[in-house]
Amino acid sequence: MRMHGQRGKAPGRVPDFGKAAMTDAPLTPDERKADLAALPPDPYRLPPVGSWFGPDAERHLIDRPKFCPMCAADLETGGGITTEYWAGDLRVFMTWCGACGWFGEVVRFDMVTIEEEEH
């Protein structure tokens, strides 16, 4: 982990609540650049709008499994990995859970028909 400065603060306009209260005054362009520079990089960086892969990347972020099918742990915060590949018209998410070690494929369907046995 990289620390910034002596107290571990990121450079730029980071609020210090121990001093004067922040105001709602609009930022100058230079202040805005410094404010944005203090933010961490976007972990979900998407391709530029209009690029050939943009809609697929957006759908991946929306449709990928969020929780492990075995233990229900959060895949993002628990160290899980989800990779998407296509097999014909199927979208398959190869998934590994960092919490329980489960590894398998999660397939998204548009429609499923299930027959129930007579009792």
Protein backbone atom coordinates (compact mmCIF):
# COMPACT_ATOMS: atom_id res chain seq x y z
CA MET A 1 0.00 0.00 0.00
CA ARG A 2 1.43 3.35 -1.02
CA MET A 3 1.14 6.16 1.53
CA HIS A 4 0.99 9.81 0.48
CA GLY A 5 2.88 12.36 2.56
CA GLN A 6 3.59 12.06 6.26
CA ARG A 7 0.03 11.37 7.44
CA GLY A 8 -1.05 9.10 4.58
CA LYS A 9 -3.30 11.67 2.89
CA ALA A 10 -3.71 11.70 -0.86
CA PRO A 11 -2.53 14.89 -2.53
CA GLY A 12 -5.17 17.36 -3.56
CA ARG A 13 -8.30 18.79 -1.98
CA VAL A 14 -9.01 16.25 0.77
CA PRO A 15 -11.34 17.56 3.49
CA ASP A 16 -9.83 17.89 6.95
CA PHE A 17 -12.75 17.92 9.36
CA GLY A 18 -10.52 19.11 12.21
CA LYS A 19 -10.31 22.56 10.63
CA ALA A 20 -12.82 24.96 9.08
CA ALA A 21 -16.10 23.63 7.67
CA MET A 22 -16.34 23.10 3.93
CA THR A 23 -18.47 25.48 1.91
CA ASP A 24 -20.72 24.93 -1.09
CA ALA A 25 -18.80 27.45 -3.18
CA PRO A 26 -18.18 26.29 -6.77
CA LEU A 27 -14.69 25.03 -7.55
CA THR A 28 -12.37 26.72 -9.97
CA PRO A 29 -11.11 24.53 -12.85
CA ASP A 30 -7.73 24.09 -11.10
CA GLU A 31 -9.42 23.16 -7.81
CA ARG A 32 -11.62 20.67 -9.66
CA LYS A 33 -8.57 18.99 -11.25
CA ALA A 34 -6.90 18.74 -7.82
CA ASP A 35 -10.14 17.39 -6.33
CA LEU A 36 -10.43 14.68 -9.01
CA ALA A 37 -6.72 13.81 -8.75
CA ALA A 38 -7.25 12.94 -5.07
CA LEU A 39 -9.78 10.23 -5.95
CA PRO A 40 -8.64 6.62 -6.40
CA PRO A 41 -8.74 5.18 -9.93
CA ASP A 42 -12.10 3.87 -11.10
CA PRO A 43 -12.10 0.07 -10.58
CA TYR A 44 -14.85 -0.34 -13.20
CA ARG A 45 -13.22 1.56 -16.03
CA LEU A 46 -15.39 1.02 -19.08
CA PRO A 47 -14.40 1.41 -22.72
CA PRO A 48 -15.25 4.76 -24.33
CA VAL A 49 -18.89 5.29 -25.29
CA GLY A 50 -19.50 4.09 -28.84
CA SER A 51 -16.62 1.60 -28.88
CA TRP A 52 -17.37 -1.88 -30.24
CA PHE A 53 -16.93 -3.59 -26.83
CA GLY A 54 -18.61 -0.93 -24.65
CA PRO A 55 -22.10 -2.50 -24.40
CA ASP A 56 -20.62 -5.94 -23.63
CA ALA A 57 -18.46 -4.54 -20.82
CA GLU A 58 -21.48 -2.79 -19.30
CA ARG A 59 -23.58 -5.98 -19.47
CA HIS A 60 -20.74 -7.94 -17.83
CA LEU A 61 -20.67 -5.59 -14.84
CA ILE A 62 -24.45 -5.79 -14.48
CA ASP A 63 -24.95 -9.53 -15.09
CA ARG A 64 -21.91 -11.15 -13.46
CA PRO A 65 -22.54 -13.20 -10.31
CA LYS A 66 -22.27 -11.04 -7.21
CA PHE A 67 -22.38 -13.85 -4.63
CA CYS A 68 -20.97 -17.38 -4.44
CA PRO A 69 -23.56 -20.05 -5.34
CA MET A 70 -22.11 -22.36 -2.64
CA CYS A 71 -21.58 -20.16 0.46
CA ALA A 72 -23.25 -16.84 -0.54
CA ALA A 73 -20.06 -14.83 0.14
CA ASP A 74 -19.64 -11.54 -1.71
CA LEU A 75 -17.36 -12.37 -4.66
CA GLU A 76 -15.98 -8.85 -4.99
CA THR A 77 -14.98 -8.24 -1.38
CA GLY A 78 -14.15 -11.88 -0.62
CA GLY A 79 -11.43 -12.11 -3.25
CA GLY A 80 -13.47 -13.99 -5.85
CA ILE A 81 -12.87 -13.93 -9.60
CA THR A 82 -15.46 -13.96 -12.39
CA THR A 83 -14.53 -14.31 -16.05
CA GLU A 84 -17.10 -14.31 -18.82
CA TYR A 85 -16.91 -16.29 -22.03
CA TRP A 86 -19.42 -17.16 -24.72
CA ALA A 87 -20.45 -20.60 -25.99
CA GLY A 88 -22.75 -19.98 -28.93
CA ASP A 89 -25.59 -17.83 -27.57
CA LEU A 90 -24.84 -18.70 -23.94
CA ARG A 91 -23.01 -16.33 -21.64
CA VAL A 92 -20.96 -18.37 -19.19
CA PHE A 93 -19.35 -16.88 -16.06
CA MET A 94 -16.42 -18.97 -14.86
CA THR A 95 -16.37 -18.15 -11.15
CA TRP A 96 -14.04 -18.82 -8.20
CA CYS A 97 -14.94 -17.95 -4.60
CA GLY A 98 -12.10 -16.76 -2.38
CA ALA A 99 -14.09 -17.49 0.79
CA CYS A 100 -14.92 -21.21 0.31
CA GLY A 101 -12.78 -22.13 -2.71
CA TRP A 102 -15.76 -23.11 -4.90
CA PHE A 103 -14.99 -23.10 -8.62
CA GLY A 104 -17.56 -23.54 -11.34
CA GLU A 105 -19.59 -22.03 -14.12
CA VAL A 106 -22.66 -19.84 -13.73
CA VAL A 107 -24.82 -19.67 -16.85
CA ARG A 108 -27.41 -16.96 -17.37
CA PHE A 109 -30.61 -17.96 -19.15
CA ASP A 110 -33.30 -15.75 -20.66
CA MET A 111 -36.03 -18.32 -20.03
CA VAL A 112 -36.14 -21.69 -18.26
CA THR A 113 -38.89 -24.32 -18.43
CA ILE A 114 -38.90 -26.80 -15.56
CA GLU A 115 -41.15 -29.85 -15.38
CA GLU A 116 -42.30 -30.99 -11.96
CA GLU A 117 -42.83 -34.67 -11.23
CA GLU A 118 -46.26 -35.83 -10.07
CA HIS A 119 -46.44 -36.42 -6.33
